[in-house]
């Protein structure tokens, strides 16, 4: 996860900082190519669901990067949906991010 800074470029887009957090996760891809309409009006055809067991701070302006088994960068995207998974006592046990 590449954290974004609080500064913006000339176009008003958030500038990525050099702060990166590396975590292990489980990624499942949308193989049905279902069209999903998100809150900003964008139509997404292909998504990936990422489950992270660690609870880390993440925002919609951060970049999610994932690599293959050889360490090559596969994709870099911003989160479309961020959610938390709870156990029966109400404690957060995992983070779910859809990109």
Protein backbone atom coordinates (compact mmCIF):
# COMPACT_ATOMS: atom_id res chain seq x y z
CA UNK A 1 0.00 0.00 0.00
CA UNK A 2 1.44 3.33 -1.03
CA UNK A 3 0.12 6.08 1.23
CA UNK A 4 -0.88 9.37 -0.37
CA UNK A 5 0.31 12.65 1.09
CA UNK A 6 -1.89 15.59 2.04
CA UNK A 7 -0.57 17.66 -0.87
CA UNK A 8 -2.06 17.91 -4.34
CA UNK A 9 -0.58 18.44 -7.81
CA UNK A 10 -1.55 21.20 -10.27
CA UNK A 11 -4.61 19.19 -11.36
CA UNK A 12 -5.87 18.68 -7.80
CA UNK A 13 -4.91 15.00 -7.63
CA UNK A 14 -3.27 13.64 -4.45
CA UNK A 15 0.48 13.20 -4.67
CA UNK A 16 1.86 9.83 -3.54
CA UNK A 17 4.33 9.97 -0.68
CA UNK A 18 7.26 7.62 -0.23
CA UNK A 19 5.50 5.83 2.65
CA UNK A 20 4.79 2.21 1.70
CA UNK A 21 3.36 -0.61 3.79
CA UNK A 22 3.96 -4.21 2.70
CA UNK A 23 1.44 -6.81 3.91
CA UNK A 24 0.57 -10.35 2.90
CA UNK A 25 -2.97 -10.78 1.67
CA UNK A 26 -5.41 -12.98 -0.24
CA UNK A 27 -6.56 -11.70 -3.63
CA UNK A 28 -9.56 -13.03 -5.57
CA UNK A 29 -10.45 -11.67 -8.97
CA UNK A 30 -13.90 -11.11 -10.48
CA UNK A 31 -13.90 -13.67 -13.26
CA UNK A 32 -17.45 -12.93 -14.40
CA UNK A 33 -16.53 -9.40 -15.59
CA UNK A 34 -19.65 -8.01 -13.93
CA UNK A 35 -20.23 -4.30 -14.40
CA UNK A 36 -20.19 -2.48 -11.06
CA UNK A 37 -21.24 1.16 -10.67
CA UNK A 38 -19.31 2.90 -7.87
CA UNK A 39 -20.13 6.06 -5.92
CA UNK A 40 -18.19 8.46 -8.17
CA UNK A 41 -20.17 7.31 -11.24
CA UNK A 42 -17.35 5.22 -12.68
CA UNK A 43 -18.30 1.92 -14.29
CA UNK A 44 -15.91 -0.87 -13.36
CA UNK A 45 -15.82 -4.10 -15.35
CA UNK A 46 -13.04 -6.02 -13.59
CA UNK A 47 -12.35 -6.03 -9.83
CA UNK A 48 -10.13 -7.71 -7.28
CA UNK A 49 -11.10 -8.37 -3.66
CA UNK A 50 -8.18 -8.16 -1.25
CA UNK A 51 -8.40 -9.54 2.29
CA UNK A 52 -5.70 -8.32 4.68
CA UNK A 53 -5.48 -9.94 8.09
CA UNK A 54 -3.70 -6.93 9.63
CA UNK A 55 -5.77 -3.87 10.50
CA UNK A 56 -3.99 -0.95 8.88
CA UNK A 57 -5.11 2.62 8.15
CA UNK A 58 -6.09 3.00 4.50
CA UNK A 59 -7.96 5.67 2.55
CA UNK A 60 -9.46 5.98 -0.94
CA UNK A 61 -6.54 8.17 -2.09
CA UNK A 62 -3.92 5.48 -1.29
CA UNK A 63 -2.59 3.22 -4.03
CA UNK A 64 -2.78 -0.56 -3.77
CA UNK A 65 0.08 -2.36 -5.53
CA UNK A 66 0.35 -6.09 -5.97
CA UNK A 67 3.19 -8.22 -7.21
CA UNK A 68 3.53 -11.70 -8.68
CA UNK A 69 5.57 -14.52 -7.08
CA UNK A 70 8.73 -13.18 -8.74
CA UNK A 71 8.38 -9.66 -7.33
CA UNK A 72 7.23 -8.00 -10.56
CA UNK A 73 4.58 -5.30 -10.24
CA UNK A 74 1.29 -6.54 -11.70
CA UNK A 75 -1.07 -3.63 -11.07
CA UNK A 76 -1.49 -0.41 -9.11
CA UNK A 77 -5.00 0.89 -8.35
CA UNK A 78 -6.91 3.04 -5.87
CA UNK A 79 -9.51 1.37 -3.61
CA UNK A 80 -13.13 1.41 -4.76
CA UNK A 81 -14.49 -0.02 -1.50
CA UNK A 82 -12.97 -0.38 1.99
CA UNK A 83 -14.59 -2.52 4.68
CA UNK A 84 -13.76 -4.29 7.89
CA UNK A 85 -14.55 -7.85 8.98
CA UNK A 86 -15.59 -8.36 12.61
CA UNK A 87 -15.65 -11.39 14.90
CA UNK A 88 -18.62 -12.20 17.17
CA UNK A 89 -17.34 -9.95 19.96
CA UNK A 90 -17.15 -6.94 17.61
CA UNK A 91 -13.35 -6.84 17.24
CA UNK A 92 -11.91 -6.07 13.79
CA UNK A 93 -10.12 -9.16 12.47
CA UNK A 94 -9.49 -8.29 8.80
CA UNK A 95 -9.61 -5.54 6.23
CA UNK A 96 -11.39 -6.00 2.89
CA UNK A 97 -10.43 -3.75 -0.03
CA UNK A 98 -12.01 -3.88 -3.49
CA UNK A 99 -10.00 -2.40 -6.37
